[in-house]
All heavy atoms as atom14 arrays in JSON, in Angstrom:
{
  "sequence": "PPRTSRSATRSNSAAVTRSPSVSPTASTASN",
  "atom14_mask": [
    [1, 1, 1, 1, 1, 1, 1, 0, 0, 0, 0, 0, 0, 0],
    [1, 1, 1, 1, 1, 1, 1, 0, 0, 0, 0, 0, 0, 0],
    [1, 1, 1, 1, 1, 1, 1, 1, 1, 1, 1, 0, 0, 0],
    [1, 1, 1, 1, 1, 1, 1, 0, 0, 0, 0, 0, 0, 0],
    [1, 1, 1, 1, 1, 1, 0, 0, 0, 0, 0, 0, 0, 0],
    [1, 1, 1, 1, 1, 1, 1, 1, 1, 1, 1, 0, 0, 0],
    [1, 1, 1, 1, 1, 1, 0, 0, 0, 0, 0, 0, 0, 0],
    [1, 1, 1, 1, 1, 0, 0, 0, 0, 0, 0, 0, 0, 0],
    [1, 1, 1, 1, 1, 1, 1, 0, 0, 0, 0, 0, 0, 0],
    [1, 1, 1, 1, 1, 1, 1, 1, 1, 1, 1, 0, 0, 0],
    [1, 1, 1, 1, 1, 1, 0, 0, 0, 0, 0, 0, 0, 0],
    [1, 1, 1, 1, 1, 1, 1, 1, 0, 0, 0, 0, 0, 0],
    [1, 1, 1, 1, 1, 1, 0, 0, 0, 0, 0, 0, 0, 0],
    [1, 1, 1, 1, 1, 0, 0, 0, 0, 0, 0, 0, 0, 0],
    [1, 1, 1, 1, 1, 0, 0, 0, 0, 0, 0, 0, 0, 0],
    [1, 1, 1, 1, 1, 1, 1, 0, 0, 0, 0, 0, 0, 0],
    [1, 1, 1, 1, 1, 1, 1, 0, 0, 0, 0, 0, 0, 0],
    [1, 1, 1, 1, 1, 1, 1, 1, 1, 1, 1, 0, 0, 0],
    [1, 1, 1, 1, 1, 1, 0, 0, 0, 0, 0, 0, 0, 0],
    [1, 1, 1, 1, 1, 1, 1, 0, 0, 0, 0, 0, 0, 0],
    [1, 1, 1, 1, 1, 1, 0, 0, 0, 0, 0, 0, 0, 0],
    [1, 1, 1, 1, 1, 1, 1, 0, 0, 0, 0, 0, 0, 0],
    [1, 1, 1, 1, 1, 1, 0, 0, 0, 0, 0, 0, 0, 0],
    [1, 1, 1, 1, 1, 1, 1, 0, 0, 0, 0, 0, 0, 0],
    [1, 1, 1, 1, 1, 1, 1, 0, 0, 0, 0, 0, 0, 0],
    [1, 1, 1, 1, 1, 0, 0, 0, 0, 0, 0, 0, 0, 0],
    [1, 1, 1, 1, 1, 1, 0, 0, 0, 0, 0, 0, 0, 0],
    [1, 1, 1, 1, 1, 1, 1, 0, 0, 0, 0, 0, 0, 0],
    [1, 1, 1, 1, 1, 0, 0, 0, 0, 0, 0, 0, 0, 0],
    [1, 1, 1, 1, 1, 1, 0, 0, 0, 0, 0, 0, 0, 0],
    [1, 1, 1, 1, 1, 1, 1, 1, 0, 0, 0, 0, 0, 0]
  ],
  "atom14_positions": [
    [[152.98, 92.93, 95.33], [151.72, 92.4, 95.82], [150.56, 92.8, 94.9], [150.46, 93.95, 94.52], [151.53, 93.02, 97.22], [152.47, 94.15, 97.25], [153.57, 93.88, 96.28], [0.0, 0.0, 0.0], [0.0, 0.0, 0.0], [0.0, 0.0, 0.0], [0.0, 0.0, 0.0], [0.0, 0.0, 0.0], [0.0, 0.0, 0.0], [0.0, 0.0, 0.0]],
    [[149.7, 91.84, 94.51], [148.62, 92.14, 93.61], [147.59, 93.1, 94.26], [147.22, 92.93, 95.39], [147.94, 90.78, 93.35], [148.35, 89.95, 94.55], [149.7, 90.43, 94.93], [0.0, 0.0, 0.0], [0.0, 0.0, 0.0], [0.0, 0.0, 0.0], [0.0, 0.0, 0.0], [0.0, 0.0, 0.0], [0.0, 0.0, 0.0], [0.0, 0.0, 0.0]],
    [[147.21, 94.13, 93.53], [146.19, 95.09, 93.93], [146.48, 95.67, 95.33], [145.6, 95.87, 96.13], [144.8, 94.43, 93.9], [144.34, 94.13, 92.51], [143.0, 93.44, 92.54], [143.11, 92.1, 93.08], [142.14, 91.47, 93.7], [141.02, 92.06, 93.97], [142.32, 90.23, 94.14], [0.0, 0.0, 0.0], [0.0, 0.0, 0.0], [0.0, 0.0, 0.0]],
    [[147.71, 95.93, 95.6], [148.1, 96.47, 96.88], [148.34, 97.97, 96.79], [149.0, 98.43, 95.86], [149.41, 95.81, 97.42], [149.14, 94.41, 97.54], [149.82, 96.39, 98.75], [0.0, 0.0, 0.0], [0.0, 0.0, 0.0], [0.0, 0.0, 0.0], [0.0, 0.0, 0.0], [0.0, 0.0, 0.0], [0.0, 0.0, 0.0], [0.0, 0.0, 0.0]],
    [[147.83, 98.71, 97.75], [148.14, 100.14, 97.85], [149.47, 100.32, 98.58], [149.59, 99.98, 99.74], [147.06, 100.88, 98.61], [147.49, 102.17, 98.97], [0.0, 0.0, 0.0], [0.0, 0.0, 0.0], [0.0, 0.0, 0.0], [0.0, 0.0, 0.0], [0.0, 0.0, 0.0], [0.0, 0.0, 0.0], [0.0, 0.0, 0.0], [0.0, 0.0, 0.0]],
    [[150.49, 100.83, 97.86], [151.78, 100.98, 98.49], [151.73, 102.02, 99.61], [152.41, 101.92, 100.61], [152.85, 101.34, 97.48], [153.12, 100.2, 96.48], [154.3, 100.51, 95.58], [154.51, 99.43, 94.64], [155.18, 98.33, 94.92], [155.66, 98.16, 96.13], [155.38, 97.39, 94.02], [0.0, 0.0, 0.0], [0.0, 0.0, 0.0], [0.0, 0.0, 0.0]],
    [[150.91, 103.06, 99.41], [150.78, 104.08, 100.46], [150.16, 103.49, 101.7], [150.53, 103.8, 102.83], [149.94, 105.26, 99.95], [148.63, 104.85, 99.63], [0.0, 0.0, 0.0], [0.0, 0.0, 0.0], [0.0, 0.0, 0.0], [0.0, 0.0, 0.0], [0.0, 0.0, 0.0], [0.0, 0.0, 0.0], [0.0, 0.0, 0.0], [0.0, 0.0, 0.0]],
    [[149.21, 102.55, 101.51], [148.58, 101.87, 102.68], [149.58, 101.02, 103.37], [149.65, 100.92, 104.6], [147.37, 101.07, 102.24], [0.0, 0.0, 0.0], [0.0, 0.0, 0.0], [0.0, 0.0, 0.0], [0.0, 0.0, 0.0], [0.0, 0.0, 0.0], [0.0, 0.0, 0.0], [0.0, 0.0, 0.0], [0.0, 0.0, 0.0], [0.0, 0.0, 0.0]],
    [[150.43, 100.36, 102.57], [151.48, 99.49, 103.16], [152.41, 100.31, 104.05], [152.76, 99.92, 105.12], [152.28, 98.78, 102.03], [151.38, 97.98, 101.29], [153.36, 97.9, 102.65], [0.0, 0.0, 0.0], [0.0, 0.0, 0.0], [0.0, 0.0, 0.0], [0.0, 0.0, 0.0], [0.0, 0.0, 0.0], [0.0, 0.0, 0.0], [0.0, 0.0, 0.0]],
    [[152.85, 101.49, 103.5], [153.76, 102.33, 104.26], [153.09, 102.83, 105.54], [153.7, 102.86, 106.61], [154.2, 103.51, 103.39], [155.19, 103.11, 102.32], [155.88, 104.36, 101.77], [154.92, 105.23, 101.11], [154.62, 105.18, 99.8], [155.13, 104.27, 99.08], [153.75, 106.04, 99.3], [0.0, 0.0, 0.0], [0.0, 0.0, 0.0], [0.0, 0.0, 0.0]],
    [[151.81, 103.24, 105.46], [151.16, 103.74, 106.67], [150.96, 102.65, 107.69], [151.06, 102.86, 108.88], [149.78, 104.36, 106.31], [148.87, 103.36, 105.9], [0.0, 0.0, 0.0], [0.0, 0.0, 0.0], [0.0, 0.0, 0.0], [0.0, 0.0, 0.0], [0.0, 0.0, 0.0], [0.0, 0.0, 0.0], [0.0, 0.0, 0.0], [0.0, 0.0, 0.0]],
    [[150.69, 101.42, 107.22], [150.56, 100.3, 108.16], [151.85, 100.0, 108.86], [151.94, 99.73, 110.07], [150.05, 99.06, 107.44], [148.57, 99.13, 107.08], [147.84, 99.84, 107.73], [148.21, 98.4, 106.05], [0.0, 0.0, 0.0], [0.0, 0.0, 0.0], [0.0, 0.0, 0.0], [0.0, 0.0, 0.0], [0.0, 0.0, 0.0], [0.0, 0.0, 0.0]],
    [[152.98, 100.05, 108.1], [154.27, 99.72, 108.68], [154.68, 100.82, 109.67], [155.33, 100.51, 110.67], [155.33, 99.65, 107.58], [155.01, 98.58, 106.68], [0.0, 0.0, 0.0], [0.0, 0.0, 0.0], [0.0, 0.0, 0.0], [0.0, 0.0, 0.0], [0.0, 0.0, 0.0], [0.0, 0.0, 0.0], [0.0, 0.0, 0.0], [0.0, 0.0, 0.0]],
    [[154.31, 102.06, 109.35], [154.69, 103.15, 110.28], [153.83, 103.19, 111.52], [154.22, 103.76, 112.52], [154.56, 104.47, 109.52], [0.0, 0.0, 0.0], [0.0, 0.0, 0.0], [0.0, 0.0, 0.0], [0.0, 0.0, 0.0], [0.0, 0.0, 0.0], [0.0, 0.0, 0.0], [0.0, 0.0, 0.0], [0.0, 0.0, 0.0], [0.0, 0.0, 0.0]],
    [[152.66, 102.57, 111.45], [151.71, 102.72, 112.55], [152.27, 102.28, 113.89], [151.98, 102.87, 114.93], [150.43, 101.98, 112.25], [0.0, 0.0, 0.0], [0.0, 0.0, 0.0], [0.0, 0.0, 0.0], [0.0, 0.0, 0.0], [0.0, 0.0, 0.0], [0.0, 0.0, 0.0], [0.0, 0.0, 0.0], [0.0, 0.0, 0.0], [0.0, 0.0, 0.0]],
    [[153.05, 101.17, 113.9], [153.52, 100.62, 115.16], [154.59, 101.49, 115.81], [154.88, 101.31, 116.98], [154.08, 99.18, 114.98], [153.0, 98.27, 114.54], [155.22, 99.19, 114.01], [0.0, 0.0, 0.0], [0.0, 0.0, 0.0], [0.0, 0.0, 0.0], [0.0, 0.0, 0.0], [0.0, 0.0, 0.0], [0.0, 0.0, 0.0], [0.0, 0.0, 0.0]],
    [[155.16, 102.43, 115.05], [156.21, 103.27, 115.64], [155.67, 104.62, 116.07], [156.42, 105.41, 116.62], [157.34, 103.51, 114.62], [156.81, 104.23, 113.49], [157.9, 102.2, 114.11], [0.0, 0.0, 0.0], [0.0, 0.0, 0.0], [0.0, 0.0, 0.0], [0.0, 0.0, 0.0], [0.0, 0.0, 0.0], [0.0, 0.0, 0.0], [0.0, 0.0, 0.0]],
    [[154.37, 104.86, 115.9], [153.87, 106.15, 116.27], [153.94, 106.4, 117.75], [153.79, 105.49, 118.55], [152.42, 106.36, 115.76], [151.45, 105.37, 116.38], [150.11, 105.47, 115.65], [149.14, 104.55, 116.29], [147.97, 104.3, 115.84], [147.54, 104.88, 114.75], [147.16, 103.51, 116.48], [0.0, 0.0, 0.0], [0.0, 0.0, 0.0], [0.0, 0.0, 0.0]],
    [[154.17, 107.61, 118.17], [154.33, 107.95, 119.57], [153.0, 107.94, 120.27], [151.96, 108.28, 119.68], [154.94, 109.35, 119.65], [154.81, 109.84, 120.97], [0.0, 0.0, 0.0], [0.0, 0.0, 0.0], [0.0, 0.0, 0.0], [0.0, 0.0, 0.0], [0.0, 0.0, 0.0], [0.0, 0.0, 0.0], [0.0, 0.0, 0.0], [0.0, 0.0, 0.0]],
    [[152.95, 107.47, 121.51], [151.67, 107.51, 122.26], [151.12, 108.94, 122.42], [149.96, 109.12, 122.78], [152.06, 106.95, 123.63], [153.26, 106.1, 123.36], [154.01, 106.81, 122.27], [0.0, 0.0, 0.0], [0.0, 0.0, 0.0], [0.0, 0.0, 0.0], [0.0, 0.0, 0.0], [0.0, 0.0, 0.0], [0.0, 0.0, 0.0], [0.0, 0.0, 0.0]],
    [[151.95, 109.94, 122.15], [151.45, 111.32, 122.26], [150.72, 111.77, 121.0], [150.14, 112.84, 120.97], [152.63, 112.26, 122.51], [153.53, 112.26, 121.4], [0.0, 0.0, 0.0], [0.0, 0.0, 0.0], [0.0, 0.0, 0.0], [0.0, 0.0, 0.0], [0.0, 0.0, 0.0], [0.0, 0.0, 0.0], [0.0, 0.0, 0.0], [0.0, 0.0, 0.0]],
    [[150.77, 110.94, 119.94], [150.14, 111.29, 118.66], [148.79, 110.54, 118.55], [148.75, 109.34, 118.75], [151.04, 110.89, 117.48], [150.37, 111.24, 116.17], [152.39, 111.59, 117.59], [0.0, 0.0, 0.0], [0.0, 0.0, 0.0], [0.0, 0.0, 0.0], [0.0, 0.0, 0.0], [0.0, 0.0, 0.0], [0.0, 0.0, 0.0], [0.0, 0.0, 0.0]],
    [[147.76, 111.25, 118.17], [146.47, 110.63, 118.05], [146.45, 109.69, 116.86], [147.09, 109.97, 115.86], [145.36, 111.66, 117.85], [145.29, 112.52, 119.0], [0.0, 0.0, 0.0], [0.0, 0.0, 0.0], [0.0, 0.0, 0.0], [0.0, 0.0, 0.0], [0.0, 0.0, 0.0], [0.0, 0.0, 0.0], [0.0, 0.0, 0.0], [0.0, 0.0, 0.0]],
    [[145.72, 108.53, 116.93], [145.64, 107.63, 115.82], [144.84, 108.24, 114.69], [144.02, 109.11, 114.86], [144.92, 106.4, 116.41], [144.13, 106.95, 117.51], [144.92, 108.09, 118.09], [0.0, 0.0, 0.0], [0.0, 0.0, 0.0], [0.0, 0.0, 0.0], [0.0, 0.0, 0.0], [0.0, 0.0, 0.0], [0.0, 0.0, 0.0], [0.0, 0.0, 0.0]],
    [[145.07, 107.76, 113.47], [144.31, 108.25, 112.3], [143.56, 107.12, 111.66], [143.91, 105.96, 111.82], [145.28, 108.85, 111.27], [146.13, 107.81, 110.78], [146.15, 109.96, 111.87], [0.0, 0.0, 0.0], [0.0, 0.0, 0.0], [0.0, 0.0, 0.0], [0.0, 0.0, 0.0], [0.0, 0.0, 0.0], [0.0, 0.0, 0.0], [0.0, 0.0, 0.0]],
    [[142.57, 107.43, 110.91], [141.76, 106.44, 110.27], [142.59, 105.62, 109.3], [142.32, 104.41, 109.09], [140.57, 107.06, 109.58], [0.0, 0.0, 0.0], [0.0, 0.0, 0.0], [0.0, 0.0, 0.0], [0.0, 0.0, 0.0], [0.0, 0.0, 0.0], [0.0, 0.0, 0.0], [0.0, 0.0, 0.0], [0.0, 0.0, 0.0], [0.0, 0.0, 0.0]],
    [[143.58, 106.2, 108.66], [144.34, 105.48, 107.68], [145.19, 104.37, 108.29], [145.55, 103.38, 107.64], [145.22, 106.44, 106.87], [146.17, 107.05, 107.72], [0.0, 0.0, 0.0], [0.0, 0.0, 0.0], [0.0, 0.0, 0.0], [0.0, 0.0, 0.0], [0.0, 0.0, 0.0], [0.0, 0.0, 0.0], [0.0, 0.0, 0.0], [0.0, 0.0, 0.0]],
    [[145.55, 104.51, 109.52], [146.4, 103.51, 110.15], [145.57, 102.51, 110.95], [145.74, 101.29, 110.79], [147.43, 104.15, 111.09], [146.77, 105.0, 112.01], [148.46, 104.94, 110.29], [0.0, 0.0, 0.0], [0.0, 0.0, 0.0], [0.0, 0.0, 0.0], [0.0, 0.0, 0.0], [0.0, 0.0, 0.0], [0.0, 0.0, 0.0], [0.0, 0.0, 0.0]],
    [[144.69, 102.93, 111.81], [144.03, 102.01, 112.71], [142.83, 101.35, 112.09], [142.48, 100.22, 112.45], [143.63, 102.74, 113.98], [0.0, 0.0, 0.0], [0.0, 0.0, 0.0], [0.0, 0.0, 0.0], [0.0, 0.0, 0.0], [0.0, 0.0, 0.0], [0.0, 0.0, 0.0], [0.0, 0.0, 0.0], [0.0, 0.0, 0.0], [0.0, 0.0, 0.0]],
    [[142.1, 101.99, 111.14], [140.92, 101.37, 110.56], [141.32, 100.42, 109.44], [140.47, 99.69, 108.96], [139.97, 102.44, 110.03], [140.55, 103.18, 109.02], [0.0, 0.0, 0.0], [0.0, 0.0, 0.0], [0.0, 0.0, 0.0], [0.0, 0.0, 0.0], [0.0, 0.0, 0.0], [0.0, 0.0, 0.0], [0.0, 0.0, 0.0], [0.0, 0.0, 0.0]],
    [[142.56, 100.45, 108.98], [143.03, 99.52, 107.96], [144.24, 98.77, 108.44], [145.36, 99.01, 108.0], [143.38, 100.33, 106.69], [142.16, 101.02, 106.08], [141.24, 100.38, 105.63], [142.22, 102.34, 106.12], [0.0, 0.0, 0.0], [0.0, 0.0, 0.0], [0.0, 0.0, 0.0], [0.0, 0.0, 0.0], [0.0, 0.0, 0.0], [0.0, 0.0, 0.0]]
  ]
}
């Protein structure tokens, strides 16, 4: 992907699997 942050891609993909017991982070929910 052009100009894509691979770390952002990984954090976005992981975001949907996070446990409801874990607080959201700016890197996942704000992006």
